[in-house]
Amino acid sequence: MANSSRGHAAADEDSYLQELIRGSVPGPSTSRARVAPLTDDEIGWFYCAICMETKLVLDRFRAGACAHEFCVACLVRYIEGRVADGAVPVPCPAPGCGGASLHPEACKKLLDIDVFDAWCVALCERAVGPGRARCPYRDCGELLVVEGGSGRVAQGEAASKVACPTCSREFCLQCEEPWNDRHGSEGDGDGEAGCVLARLAEGRNWARCPSCRAMIDKTEGCNRMLCR
């Protein structure tokens, strides 16, 4: 008799577990109270000062100094455009704002790291002023302060070769380009004019005569040239 009772109890327990797995019987740890959805009046809304549309507060960014509100997508596009143009500081875009500027740290979580870094670099360059130079090598980019100068040597002086203290590679202080055999070569011209000519020649695929070092622009014909 005892065995029969235990058998019925086990069968009932198996049946209960199967029903629990199928979800028809609420278990003690799985039952939840139903929450009614929020109505439109209970959902927070705000007015974006850029796109001039009403948006959910979940998509809101509020500027710290002036408390103007913008949707995240609009603000990110605005900041990216300003940074790409080098137009820093980035002012609050709200019409009629009294000149408050957005701070990179306050917007960091919204931006790609490349945009954030470029914003910070642009602000540093502006703060340092004209007496600076940047290492032109892409894997370095160190910002250098030029002592006693504006970051450019005066016209008529020889091109200024400097070594970056961070990566130790040489570049021209005038044109901020990696140093090469065109800088300071005979026939290049001196100072700023020489650097401008070198960049122009590279952009237009000009060649230099190996005898007189004059610039040559091929327009037609074969590759054989006769130096005059």
Protein backbone atom coordinates (compact mmCIF):
# COMPACT_ATOMS: atom_id res chain seq x y z
CA MET A 1 0.00 0.00 0.00
CA ALA A 2 2.85 2.32 0.89
CA ASN A 3 4.53 1.56 -2.41
CA SER A 4 1.33 2.43 -4.29
CA SER A 5 1.07 5.81 -2.51
CA ARG A 6 4.68 6.66 -3.30
CA GLY A 7 4.05 5.68 -6.94
CA HIS A 8 1.05 8.00 -7.22
CA ALA A 9 3.01 10.83 -5.58
CA ALA A 10 5.90 10.42 -8.00
CA ALA A 11 3.51 10.39 -10.96
CA ASP A 12 1.81 13.55 -9.72
CA GLU A 13 5.19 15.23 -9.27
CA ASP A 14 6.25 14.27 -12.80
CA SER A 15 2.99 15.60 -14.19
CA TYR A 16 3.43 18.89 -12.28
CA LEU A 17 6.99 19.31 -13.55
CA GLN A 18 5.90 18.70 -17.13
CA GLU A 19 3.13 21.28 -16.82
CA LEU A 20 5.60 23.71 -15.22
CA ILE A 21 8.03 23.28 -18.12
CA ARG A 22 5.24 23.91 -20.62
CA GLY A 23 4.36 27.08 -18.70
CA SER A 24 0.76 26.20 -17.85
CA VAL A 25 1.43 26.13 -14.11
CA PRO A 26 3.09 29.21 -12.57
CA GLY A 27 6.03 28.29 -10.41
CA PRO A 28 6.83 30.14 -7.17
CA SER A 29 9.88 31.90 -8.70
CA THR A 30 8.49 32.55 -12.20
CA SER A 31 5.26 34.36 -11.47
CA ARG A 32 5.42 38.11 -12.25
CA ALA A 33 3.00 40.93 -11.84
CA ARG A 34 1.88 42.46 -15.11
CA VAL A 35 2.84 46.10 -15.65
CA ALA A 36 0.50 48.26 -17.67
CA PRO A 37 2.16 50.05 -20.62
CA LEU A 38 2.77 53.77 -20.24
CA THR A 39 0.36 56.14 -21.90
CA ASP A 40 1.46 59.01 -24.15
CA ASP A 41 0.93 61.44 -21.28
CA GLU A 42 3.26 59.42 -19.05
CA ILE A 43 6.07 59.19 -21.60
CA GLY A 44 8.56 62.06 -21.47
CA TRP A 45 9.10 64.16 -24.58
CA PHE A 46 11.38 67.06 -25.47
CA TYR A 47 11.95 69.49 -28.33
CA CYS A 48 15.24 69.12 -30.26
CA ALA A 49 16.70 72.56 -31.01
CA ILE A 50 18.49 71.24 -34.13
CA CYS A 51 15.90 69.24 -36.09
CA MET A 52 13.03 71.12 -34.39
CA GLU A 53 11.07 67.93 -33.78
CA THR A 54 9.56 66.43 -30.64
CA LYS A 55 11.51 63.37 -29.48
CA LEU A 56 11.47 60.85 -26.64
CA VAL A 57 13.51 61.80 -23.58
CA LEU A 58 15.44 58.55 -23.99
CA ASP A 59 17.08 60.18 -27.02
CA ARG A 60 17.90 63.45 -25.28
CA PHE A 61 21.23 65.15 -24.63
CA ARG A 62 21.25 68.27 -22.49
CA ALA A 63 24.10 70.78 -22.80
CA GLY A 64 25.66 71.45 -19.43
CA ALA A 65 26.14 75.21 -19.38
CA CYS A 66 22.94 76.39 -21.08
CA ALA A 67 20.75 73.26 -20.65
CA HIS A 68 19.55 73.31 -24.27
CA GLU A 69 18.29 69.92 -25.40
CA PHE A 70 19.08 67.98 -28.57
CA CYS A 71 18.48 64.49 -29.89
CA VAL A 72 21.65 62.42 -29.93
CA ALA A 73 21.71 61.80 -33.71
CA CYS A 74 21.46 65.52 -34.52
CA LEU A 75 24.11 66.51 -32.02
CA VAL A 76 26.58 63.86 -33.20
CA ARG A 77 26.25 64.98 -36.83
CA TYR A 78 26.71 68.59 -35.77
CA ILE A 79 29.87 67.87 -33.75
CA GLU A 80 31.35 65.65 -36.46
CA GLY A 81 30.89 68.40 -39.03
CA ARG A 82 32.49 71.06 -36.84
CA VAL A 83 35.45 68.84 -35.96
CA ALA A 84 36.00 67.79 -39.59
CA ASP A 85 36.18 71.48 -40.56
CA GLY A 86 38.48 72.31 -37.65
CA ALA A 87 35.85 74.75 -36.37
CA VAL A 88 36.55 74.58 -32.65
CA PRO A 89 35.46 75.33 -29.98
CA VAL A 90 32.06 73.79 -30.77
CA PRO A 91 29.35 76.25 -29.72
CA CYS A 92 25.89 75.23 -28.58
CA PRO A 93 23.83 74.91 -31.79
CA ALA A 94 20.62 76.24 -30.25
CA PRO A 95 19.46 79.44 -31.98
CA GLY A 96 20.13 82.51 -29.87
CA CYS A 97 22.35 80.70 -27.36
CA GLY A 98 24.66 83.08 -25.56
CA GLY A 99 27.92 81.58 -26.73
CA ALA A 100 28.12 78.48 -24.51
CA SER A 101 30.48 75.81 -25.87
CA LEU A 102 30.10 72.04 -25.75
CA HIS A 103 32.82 70.18 -23.86
CA PRO A 104 34.42 67.05 -25.36
CA GLU A 105 34.30 65.09 -22.10
CA ALA A 106 30.58 65.76 -21.71
CA CYS A 107 29.92 64.40 -25.22
CA LYS A 108 32.50 61.59 -25.21
CA LYS A 109 30.01 58.75 -24.73
CA LEU A 110 28.10 59.87 -27.84
CA LEU A 111 31.06 60.02 -30.24
CA ASP A 112 33.37 57.63 -32.04
CA ILE A 113 36.80 57.67 -30.42
CA ASP A 114 38.39 59.09 -33.60
CA VAL A 115 36.04 62.08 -33.55
CA PHE A 116 36.64 62.64 -29.85
CA ASP A 117 40.42 62.49 -30.27
CA ALA A 118 40.33 64.86 -33.26
CA TRP A 119 38.22 67.30 -31.27
CA CYS A 120 40.67 67.29 -28.35
CA VAL A 121 43.67 67.69 -30.67
CA ALA A 122 42.05 70.63 -32.46
CA LEU A 123 41.38 72.34 -29.13
CA CYS A 124 44.98 71.77 -28.04
CA GLU A 125 46.31 73.23 -31.28
CA ARG A 126 44.12 76.27 -30.89
CA ALA A 127 45.24 76.75 -27.30
CA VAL A 128 48.92 76.44 -28.19
CA GLY A 129 48.59 79.03 -30.96
CA PRO A 130 50.65 79.44 -34.13
CA GLY A 131 54.00 78.54 -32.57
CA ARG A 132 53.58 74.82 -33.00
CA ALA A 133 54.16 72.05 -35.53
CA ARG A 134 52.78 68.55 -35.89
CA CYS A 135 54.77 65.46 -36.73
CA PRO A 136 53.43 64.44 -40.17
CA TYR A 137 53.85 60.68 -39.70
CA ARG A 138 50.41 59.09 -39.28
CA ASP A 139 51.51 56.68 -36.58
CA CYS A 140 52.87 59.54 -34.47
CA GLY A 141 51.23 62.95 -34.98
CA GLU A 142 52.96 64.49 -31.97
CA LEU A 143 52.18 68.17 -31.39
CA LEU A 144 55.38 70.17 -30.97
CA VAL A 145 55.82 73.68 -29.60
CA VAL A 146 58.36 75.67 -31.60
CA GLU A 147 60.46 77.84 -29.31
CA GLY A 148 60.74 81.45 -30.32
CA GLY A 149 58.90 81.09 -33.61
CA SER A 150 55.59 80.76 -35.35
CA GLY A 151 56.17 77.22 -36.53
CA ARG A 152 57.43 78.41 -39.94
CA VAL A 153 60.87 79.72 -40.84
CA ALA A 154 60.98 83.04 -42.66
CA GLN A 155 60.90 83.12 -46.45
CA GLY A 156 64.41 83.13 -47.87
CA GLU A 157 65.85 80.82 -45.22
CA ALA A 158 66.75 77.24 -45.92
CA ALA A 159 64.11 74.64 -45.21
CA SER A 160 64.20 73.75 -41.52
CA LYS A 161 64.80 70.07 -40.79
CA VAL A 162 63.73 68.94 -37.34
CA ALA A 163 63.48 65.58 -35.64
CA CYS A 164 60.33 64.64 -33.76
CA PRO A 165 61.27 64.04 -30.10
CA THR A 166 58.71 61.24 -29.89
CA CYS A 167 59.40 59.09 -32.97
CA SER A 168 62.85 60.55 -33.88
CA ARG A 169 61.93 60.87 -37.57
CA GLU A 170 62.78 64.02 -39.49
CA PHE A 171 60.37 66.40 -41.20
CA CYS A 172 60.30 69.90 -42.64
CA LEU A 173 59.19 72.54 -40.18
CA GLN A 174 57.96 74.80 -42.97
CA CYS A 175 55.59 72.51 -44.82
CA GLU A 176 55.19 69.87 -42.09
CA GLU A 177 55.95 67.07 -44.53
CA PRO A 178 58.32 64.11 -44.04
CA TRP A 179 61.88 65.13 -44.90
CA ASN A 180 63.05 63.90 -48.31
CA ASP A 181 65.68 64.68 -50.93
CA ARG A 182 63.59 67.49 -52.40
CA HIS A 183 63.97 69.61 -49.29
CA GLY A 184 67.01 71.85 -49.55
CA SER A 185 68.17 70.46 -52.92
CA GLU A 186 69.75 72.73 -55.48
CA GLY A 187 67.15 74.19 -57.79
CA ASP A 188 64.36 73.74 -55.27
CA GLY A 189 64.45 77.37 -54.25
CA ASP A 190 64.88 78.43 -50.68
CA GLY A 191 62.59 78.44 -47.70
CA GLU A 192 58.85 78.36 -48.14
CA ALA A 193 59.02 78.63 -51.95
CA GLY A 194 61.02 75.40 -52.15
CA CYS A 195 58.50 73.49 -50.07
CA VAL A 196 55.59 74.80 -52.11
CA LEU A 197 57.32 73.80 -55.35
CA ALA A 198 58.03 70.31 -54.02
CA ARG A 199 54.38 69.76 -53.08
CA LEU A 200 53.18 71.14 -56.41
CA ALA A 201 55.57 68.88 -58.36
CA GLU A 202 54.42 65.82 -56.45
CA GLY A 203 50.75 66.62 -56.98
CA ARG A 204 51.18 67.14 -60.74
CA ASN A 205 53.64 64.27 -61.31
CA TRP A 206 56.43 66.56 -62.45
CA ALA A 207 59.91 65.13 -62.84
CA ARG A 208 63.30 66.80 -62.32
CA CYS A 209 66.08 66.89 -64.90
CA PRO A 210 69.02 64.91 -63.46
CA SER A 211 71.50 67.38 -65.01
CA CYS A 212 70.18 70.88 -64.30
CA ARG A 213 67.53 69.94 -61.72
CA ALA A 214 64.83 71.90 -63.59
CA MET A 215 61.24 70.74 -63.25
CA ILE A 216 59.79 68.94 -66.30
CA ASP A 217 56.12 68.57 -67.12
CA LYS A 218 55.47 65.95 -69.78
CA THR A 219 52.52 66.85 -72.02
CA GLU A 220 53.07 64.56 -75.03
CA GLY A 221 55.65 62.44 -76.88
CA CYS A 222 58.05 59.78 -75.67
CA ASN A 223 59.96 59.67 -72.42
CA ARG A 224 63.28 60.80 -73.99
CA MET A 225 64.18 64.36 -72.97
CA LEU A 226 67.11 66.58 -74.06
CA CYS A 227 68.44 69.05 -71.50
CA ARG A 228 69.03 72.54 -72.91
